[in-house]
Amino acid sequence: MIKVSRMADYAILIVCKMSRDENKVYSAHDISLNTSLKITTISKILTKLTKANITSSIRGVSGGYKLVTQAKDISVGNIIDIIDGKVALTVCVEEGDHNNCDLVSMCPSQSNWQIINNKIQEALNSVNIEEMANPFIANLKYKESNKDSFKNNIVE
């Protein structure tokens, strides 16, 4: 089963919530109230997002976290990479781990796994946080991108 981790899912939720007002400073408590996530979970996620320059940490009484990268410039794939690491469907497509599989020398499907893995990564990178936070935008983008495909499949 291919599944996004809970932490990556939560990270996407947090960034979507923060993207509604990109200039606002959010405390972990504010985010917890808006998402029903535990503050410890939020803190772990925000620490990773801050290290990756998606958010910044502001100290002090009025401190918290702020998006420093615009939502339109953050892909779902970026967030998954930050939280979980690169997507790898099989051992043979993991970065730097091509030789961890005992079957690599006789496996006919390795190159196809790489193609499939790349397509999944492309799909994750094709949707940004602005679109995730506003499904209407994502729906329009999807319909627009499939318009030509639909026209090409019409039998006259």
Protein backbone atom coordinates (compact mmCIF):
# COMPACT_ATOMS: atom_id res chain seq x y z
CA MET A 1 0.00 0.00 0.00
CA ILE A 2 1.30 3.43 -0.90
CA LYS A 3 0.45 5.85 1.87
CA VAL A 4 1.57 9.31 2.96
CA SER A 5 2.69 9.26 6.60
CA ARG A 6 0.53 10.92 9.23
CA MET A 7 3.31 13.39 9.99
CA ALA A 8 3.53 14.45 6.33
CA ASP A 9 -0.27 14.70 6.15
CA TYR A 10 -0.29 16.81 9.33
CA ALA A 11 2.52 18.99 7.98
CA ILE A 12 0.51 19.67 4.83
CA LEU A 13 -2.51 20.54 6.98
CA ILE A 14 -0.44 22.92 9.13
CA VAL A 15 1.10 24.69 6.13
CA CYS A 16 -2.35 24.96 4.49
CA LYS A 17 -3.72 26.61 7.64
CA MET A 18 -0.74 28.96 7.84
CA SER A 19 -1.09 29.86 4.16
CA ARG A 20 -4.45 31.51 4.74
CA ASP A 21 -2.57 34.50 6.16
CA GLU A 22 1.07 34.22 5.16
CA ASN A 23 2.06 37.33 7.14
CA LYS A 24 0.60 36.12 10.43
CA VAL A 25 2.74 34.66 13.21
CA TYR A 26 1.15 31.46 14.52
CA SER A 27 1.86 29.96 17.92
CA ALA A 28 1.84 26.18 18.26
CA HIS A 29 -1.22 26.68 20.49
CA ASP A 30 -3.06 28.62 17.73
CA ILE A 31 -2.29 25.88 15.24
CA SER A 32 -3.43 23.25 17.72
CA LEU A 33 -6.78 25.01 18.17
CA ASN A 34 -7.24 25.23 14.39
CA THR A 35 -6.19 21.66 13.59
CA SER A 36 -6.88 19.61 16.75
CA LEU A 37 -3.31 18.31 16.59
CA LYS A 38 -1.18 17.90 19.71
CA ILE A 39 1.29 20.70 20.39
CA THR A 40 4.17 18.20 20.58
CA THR A 41 3.34 16.93 17.08
CA ILE A 42 3.06 20.48 15.76
CA SER A 43 6.40 21.43 17.32
CA LYS A 44 8.18 18.45 15.73
CA ILE A 45 6.76 19.31 12.32
CA LEU A 46 7.51 23.04 12.60
CA THR A 47 11.09 22.29 13.63
CA LYS A 48 11.61 20.36 10.38
CA LEU A 49 9.80 23.00 8.31
CA THR A 50 11.95 25.74 9.87
CA LYS A 51 15.17 23.84 9.12
CA ALA A 52 13.98 23.59 5.50
CA ASN A 53 13.20 27.36 5.33
CA ILE A 54 9.47 26.84 4.80
CA THR A 55 8.70 28.53 8.11
CA SER A 56 10.70 30.70 10.47
CA SER A 57 10.68 30.67 14.23
CA ILE A 58 10.10 33.96 16.03
CA ARG A 59 11.04 34.12 19.71
CA GLY A 60 9.41 36.12 22.46
CA VAL A 61 5.99 36.76 23.97
CA SER A 62 4.46 37.44 20.55
CA GLY A 63 6.55 34.73 18.95
CA GLY A 64 5.59 31.69 16.99
CA TYR A 65 6.00 30.51 13.44
CA LYS A 66 5.51 32.23 10.13
CA LEU A 67 5.57 31.00 6.54
CA VAL A 68 8.64 32.38 4.78
CA THR A 69 8.01 30.59 1.50
CA GLN A 70 4.84 31.46 -0.39
CA ALA A 71 2.22 28.70 -0.53
CA LYS A 72 2.31 28.70 -4.33
CA ASP A 73 6.03 27.87 -4.18
CA ILE A 74 5.69 24.89 -1.81
CA SER A 75 4.70 21.60 -3.40
CA VAL A 76 3.13 18.65 -1.64
CA GLY A 77 6.24 16.74 -2.72
CA ASN A 78 8.46 19.30 -0.93
CA ILE A 79 6.61 18.77 2.34
CA ILE A 80 6.72 14.97 2.07
CA ASP A 81 10.46 15.12 1.30
CA ILE A 82 11.07 17.37 4.33
CA ILE A 83 9.07 15.24 6.75
CA ASP A 84 9.66 11.69 5.45
CA GLY A 85 12.51 11.92 2.96
CA LYS A 86 12.35 11.20 -0.76
CA VAL A 87 9.54 8.97 -2.00
CA ALA A 88 10.88 5.51 -2.84
CA LEU A 89 8.50 2.72 -3.77
CA THR A 90 11.20 0.06 -3.68
CA VAL A 91 14.71 -0.29 -2.28
CA CYS A 92 16.23 -0.10 -5.75
CA VAL A 93 14.90 3.44 -6.33
CA GLU A 94 16.04 4.88 -2.99
CA GLU A 95 18.68 7.56 -3.43
CA GLY A 96 22.11 6.08 -2.90
CA ASP A 97 20.75 2.61 -2.02
CA HIS A 98 20.68 0.96 -5.46
CA ASN A 99 22.88 -1.90 -4.26
CA ASN A 100 20.82 -2.77 -1.16
CA CYS A 101 18.73 -5.20 -3.16
CA ASP A 102 20.16 -8.69 -3.66
CA LEU A 103 18.21 -9.04 -6.90
CA VAL A 104 19.49 -5.89 -8.63
CA SER A 105 21.80 -7.79 -11.02
CA MET A 106 19.00 -10.00 -12.35
CA CYS A 107 15.93 -7.81 -11.91
CA PRO A 108 14.21 -6.80 -15.14
CA SER A 109 11.83 -4.36 -13.44
CA GLN A 110 14.22 -1.94 -11.73
CA SER A 111 14.10 0.65 -14.51
CA ASN A 112 10.31 0.46 -14.59
CA TRP A 113 10.14 1.00 -10.82
CA GLN A 114 12.27 4.10 -11.33
CA ILE A 115 9.86 5.39 -14.01
CA ILE A 116 6.85 4.75 -11.75
CA ASN A 117 8.59 6.37 -8.78
CA ASN A 118 9.45 9.44 -10.88
CA LYS A 119 5.84 9.78 -12.07
CA ILE A 120 4.58 9.69 -8.48
CA GLN A 121 7.16 12.31 -7.47
CA GLU A 122 6.12 14.48 -10.44
CA ALA A 123 2.47 14.21 -9.40
CA LEU A 124 3.28 15.20 -5.80
CA ASN A 125 5.37 18.13 -7.04
CA SER A 126 2.64 19.30 -9.43
CA VAL A 127 0.27 20.32 -6.62
CA ASN A 128 1.21 23.25 -4.42
CA ILE A 129 0.01 24.26 -0.96
CA GLU A 130 -2.07 27.13 -2.33
CA GLU A 131 -4.03 24.55 -4.33
CA MET A 132 -4.29 22.16 -1.38
CA ALA A 133 -5.63 24.95 0.82
CA ASN A 134 -8.15 25.96 -1.82
CA PRO A 135 -9.60 22.89 -3.58
CA PHE A 136 -11.46 25.12 -6.04
CA ILE A 137 -8.14 26.29 -7.55
CA ALA A 138 -6.85 22.71 -7.74
CA ASN A 139 -10.08 21.55 -9.39
CA LEU A 140 -9.84 24.26 -12.06
CA LYS A 141 -6.19 23.40 -12.71
CA TYR A 142 -7.06 19.70 -13.05
CA LYS A 143 -9.95 20.38 -15.43
CA GLU A 144 -7.80 22.73 -17.52
CA SER A 145 -4.93 20.25 -17.77
CA ASN A 146 -7.28 17.46 -18.83
CA LYS A 147 -9.19 19.52 -21.40
CA ASP A 148 -6.79 18.62 -24.23
CA SER A 149 -6.75 14.99 -23.14
CA PHE A 150 -10.53 14.92 -23.27
CA LYS A 151 -10.60 16.53 -26.74
CA ASN A 152 -8.08 14.01 -28.06
CA ASN A 153 -10.22 11.10 -26.88
CA ILE A 154 -13.44 12.23 -28.55
CA VAL A 155 -14.40 10.01 -31.47
CA GLU A 156 -15.89 11.96 -34.34
